[in-house]
Amino acid sequence: MELKAIFARHLRKRRAELGWSQEEVGERSGLTRNYIGMIERGETSPTLDAVEAISKAFEVKPSAMLNDT
């Protein structure tokens, strides 16, 4: 599985676990709701800065968002 799909899966899963909307993830990470949605749908690959910002918002290490387990 490619990294952007792995990241998207973790993003959706973690967001659901926390009960956050895409808008809330965007606000907490400093990114737009539209960008979060595009990442989740696999329409775009997140930048390294986005991976870091989203990971910080979720309070996890970036490697946890990229781990294929």
C-alpha atoms as a PDB file:
ATOM      1  CA  MET A   1       0.000   0.000   0.000  1.00  0.00           C
ATOM      2  CA  GLU A   2       1.377   3.425  -0.845  1.00  0.00           C
ATOM      3  CA  LEU A   3       2.174   5.930   1.878  1.00  0.00           C
ATOM      4  CA  LYS A   4      -0.558   8.413   0.990  1.00  0.00           C
ATOM      5  CA  ALA A   5      -3.191   5.659   1.336  1.00  0.00           C
ATOM      6  CA  ILE A   6      -1.717   4.531   4.658  1.00  0.00           C
ATOM      7  CA  PHE A   7      -1.710   8.098   5.954  1.00  0.00           C
ATOM      8  CA  ALA A   8      -5.284   8.661   4.742  1.00  0.00           C
ATOM      9  CA  ARG A   9      -6.454   5.504   6.519  1.00  0.00           C
ATOM     10  CA  HIS A  10      -4.820   6.575   9.790  1.00  0.00           C
ATOM     11  CA  LEU A  11      -6.205  10.094   9.436  1.00  0.00           C
ATOM     12  CA  ARG A  12      -9.792   8.847   9.003  1.00  0.00           C
ATOM     13  CA  LYS A  13      -9.431   6.293  11.804  1.00  0.00           C
ATOM     14  CA  ARG A  14      -7.906   8.699  14.335  1.00  0.00           C
ATOM     15  CA  ARG A  15     -10.377  11.446  13.457  1.00  0.00           C
ATOM     16  CA  ALA A  16     -13.280   9.018  13.988  1.00  0.00           C
ATOM     17  CA  GLU A  17     -11.841   7.791  17.294  1.00  0.00           C
ATOM     18  CA  LEU A  18     -11.693  11.368  18.561  1.00  0.00           C
ATOM     19  CA  GLY A  19     -15.085  12.265  17.111  1.00  0.00           C
ATOM     20  CA  TRP A  20     -13.573  15.198  15.236  1.00  0.00           C
ATOM     21  CA  SER A  21     -14.860  16.658  11.988  1.00  0.00           C
ATOM     22  CA  GLN A  22     -12.520  17.417   9.112  1.00  0.00           C
ATOM     23  CA  GLU A  23     -12.977  21.062  10.039  1.00  0.00           C
ATOM     24  CA  GLU A  24     -11.789  20.426  13.590  1.00  0.00           C
ATOM     25  CA  VAL A  25      -8.706  18.573  12.353  1.00  0.00           C
ATOM     26  CA  GLY A  26      -8.043  21.516  10.058  1.00  0.00           C
ATOM     27  CA  GLU A  27      -8.398  24.062  12.842  1.00  0.00           C
ATOM     28  CA  ARG A  28      -6.158  22.118  15.215  1.00  0.00           C
ATOM     29  CA  SER A  29      -3.505  21.524  12.557  1.00  0.00           C
ATOM     30  CA  GLY A  30      -3.623  24.917  10.849  1.00  0.00           C
ATOM     31  CA  LEU A  31      -4.783  23.352   7.575  1.00  0.00           C
ATOM     32  CA  THR A  32      -8.025  23.772   5.674  1.00  0.00           C
ATOM     33  CA  ARG A  33     -10.971  21.390   5.903  1.00  0.00           C
ATOM     34  CA  ASN A  34     -10.801  20.986   2.129  1.00  0.00           C
ATOM     35  CA  TYR A  35      -7.154  19.899   2.277  1.00  0.00           C
ATOM     36  CA  ILE A  36      -7.919  17.393   5.062  1.00  0.00           C
ATOM     37  CA  GLY A  37     -10.739  15.958   2.930  1.00  0.00           C
ATOM     38  CA  MET A  38      -8.520  15.722  -0.130  1.00  0.00           C
ATOM     39  CA  ILE A  39      -5.912  13.814   1.877  1.00  0.00           C
ATOM     40  CA  GLU A  40      -8.536  11.441   3.287  1.00  0.00           C
ATOM     41  CA  ARG A  41      -9.923  10.715  -0.184  1.00  0.00           C
ATOM     42  CA  GLY A  42      -6.440  10.144  -1.613  1.00  0.00           C
ATOM     43  CA  GLU A  43      -6.790  13.046  -4.020  1.00  0.00           C
ATOM     44  CA  THR A  44      -3.526  14.593  -2.877  1.00  0.00           C
ATOM     45  CA  SER A  45      -0.422  13.541  -1.019  1.00  0.00           C
ATOM     46  CA  PRO A  46       0.191  15.408   2.218  1.00  0.00           C
ATOM     47  CA  THR A  47       3.344  17.467   2.446  1.00  0.00           C
ATOM     48  CA  LEU A  48       5.818  16.652   5.191  1.00  0.00           C
ATOM     49  CA  ASP A  49       4.689  19.834   6.940  1.00  0.00           C
ATOM     50  CA  ALA A  50       1.078  18.602   6.777  1.00  0.00           C
ATOM     51  CA  VAL A  51       2.045  15.174   8.146  1.00  0.00           C
ATOM     52  CA  GLU A  52       3.779  16.903  11.030  1.00  0.00           C
ATOM     53  CA  ALA A  53       0.901  19.339  11.705  1.00  0.00           C
ATOM     54  CA  ILE A  54      -1.773  16.632  11.640  1.00  0.00           C
ATOM     55  CA  SER A  55       0.314  14.330  13.832  1.00  0.00           C
ATOM     56  CA  LYS A  56       0.777  17.121  16.371  1.00  0.00           C
ATOM     57  CA  ALA A  57      -2.962  17.818  16.357  1.00  0.00           C
ATOM     58  CA  PHE A  58      -3.584  14.133  17.110  1.00  0.00           C
ATOM     59  CA  GLU A  59      -0.717  14.080  19.647  1.00  0.00           C
ATOM     60  CA  VAL A  60       1.018  11.153  17.950  1.00  0.00           C
ATOM     61  CA  LYS A  61       4.396  10.745  16.295  1.00  0.00           C
ATOM     62  CA  PRO A  62       4.396  11.175  12.511  1.00  0.00           C
ATOM     63  CA  SER A  63       5.730   7.626  12.183  1.00  0.00           C
ATOM     64  CA  ALA A  64       2.513   6.334  13.785  1.00  0.00           C
ATOM     65  CA  MET A  65       0.521   7.905  10.932  1.00  0.00           C
ATOM     66  CA  LEU A  66       2.729   6.220   8.323  1.00  0.00           C
ATOM     67  CA  ASN A  67       2.987   2.751   9.869  1.00  0.00           C
ATOM     68  CA  ASP A  68       1.338   0.021   7.776  1.00  0.00           C
ATOM     69  CA  THR A  69       0.217  -2.268  10.599  1.00  0.00           C
END
